[in-house]
Amino acid sequence: MEHIEFAPRGVCSRKIDIQTEDGIVRDVKFMGGCDGNLKAIGKLVSGMPVQDVIDILEGNTCGPRSTSCADQLAQALKQAL
């Protein structure tokens, strides 16, 4: 199992902890940010292939920001590939 710690930029969350195994997202935890929404994202992507998560979440924005916590998750996964 691979553990990824990522410091997101331009969003409310301060850290993303990701567990992957054989190209599959196993667990995602956000520190800070919109607690309920970020827990939901973690549950929704658990069990999905890493590339599918990237394809779905990359480019998602939050309000006037050019990124979002979901987009930052995609960026973290891209870096890990």
Protein backbone atom coordinates (compact mmCIF):
# COMPACT_ATOMS: atom_id res chain seq x y z
CA MET A 1 0.00 0.00 0.00
CA GLU A 2 1.28 3.47 -0.88
CA HIS A 3 0.73 6.45 1.41
CA ILE A 4 0.67 9.95 -0.08
CA GLU A 5 0.73 13.15 2.00
CA PHE A 6 -0.12 16.23 -0.03
CA ALA A 7 -0.20 19.91 0.97
CA PRO A 8 -2.93 21.48 -1.18
CA ARG A 9 -2.61 25.05 -2.44
CA GLY A 10 -5.29 27.68 -2.91
CA VAL A 11 -7.99 25.86 -0.91
CA CYS A 12 -9.26 25.64 2.66
CA SER A 13 -7.95 22.15 3.41
CA ARG A 14 -4.41 22.00 4.81
CA LYS A 15 -3.43 18.41 4.04
CA ILE A 16 -4.67 15.39 2.11
CA ASP A 17 -3.71 11.86 3.20
CA ILE A 18 -4.24 9.25 0.49
CA GLN A 19 -3.81 5.49 0.52
CA THR A 20 -3.56 3.67 -2.81
CA GLU A 21 -2.93 0.05 -3.66
CA ASP A 22 -2.31 -1.42 -7.12
CA GLY A 23 -3.67 1.70 -8.85
CA ILE A 24 -6.81 1.86 -6.70
CA VAL A 25 -7.68 4.60 -4.21
CA ARG A 26 -8.25 2.90 -0.86
CA ASP A 27 -8.70 5.86 1.52
CA VAL A 28 -8.70 9.66 1.41
CA LYS A 29 -8.72 12.02 4.39
CA PHE A 30 -8.70 15.81 4.19
CA MET A 31 -7.54 17.96 7.10
CA GLY A 32 -9.41 21.26 7.25
CA GLY A 33 -11.90 22.49 4.71
CA CYS A 34 -15.61 21.64 4.40
CA ASP A 35 -15.71 18.57 6.63
CA GLY A 36 -18.90 16.92 5.40
CA ASN A 37 -18.24 17.50 1.71
CA LEU A 38 -14.66 16.28 1.94
CA LYS A 39 -15.64 13.16 3.87
CA ALA A 40 -18.16 12.47 1.11
CA ILE A 41 -15.52 12.86 -1.60
CA GLY A 42 -13.30 10.40 0.26
CA LYS A 43 -16.12 7.85 0.43
CA LEU A 44 -17.08 8.31 -3.21
CA VAL A 45 -13.58 7.79 -4.60
CA SER A 46 -12.66 4.88 -2.33
CA GLY A 47 -12.29 1.76 -4.49
CA MET A 48 -11.95 3.71 -7.75
CA PRO A 49 -8.98 3.49 -10.09
CA VAL A 50 -6.58 6.39 -9.57
CA GLN A 51 -6.85 7.53 -13.21
CA ASP A 52 -10.66 7.61 -13.03
CA VAL A 53 -10.51 9.86 -9.96
CA ILE A 54 -8.11 12.19 -11.78
CA ASP A 55 -10.31 12.26 -14.90
CA ILE A 56 -13.44 13.10 -12.88
CA LEU A 57 -12.06 15.64 -10.38
CA GLU A 58 -9.32 17.48 -12.25
CA GLY A 59 -10.32 21.04 -13.14
CA ASN A 60 -13.15 21.25 -10.61
CA THR A 61 -13.29 24.77 -9.12
CA CYS A 62 -14.63 26.23 -5.87
CA GLY A 63 -16.36 29.59 -6.11
CA PRO A 64 -14.02 32.17 -7.68
CA ARG A 65 -10.94 29.99 -7.10
CA SER A 66 -9.21 28.31 -10.02
CA THR A 67 -8.98 25.07 -8.01
CA SER A 68 -10.86 23.14 -5.32
CA CYS A 69 -10.12 20.47 -2.74
CA ALA A 70 -11.33 17.88 -5.27
CA ASP A 71 -8.99 19.31 -7.94
CA GLN A 72 -6.14 19.27 -5.43
CA LEU A 73 -6.85 15.58 -4.77
CA ALA A 74 -6.53 14.99 -8.52
CA GLN A 75 -3.24 16.93 -8.56
CA ALA A 76 -1.90 14.85 -5.67
CA LEU A 77 -2.77 11.63 -7.48
CA LYS A 78 -1.18 12.89 -10.72
CA GLN A 79 2.05 13.65 -8.87
CA ALA A 80 2.05 10.16 -7.38
CA LEU A 81 1.70 8.43 -10.77
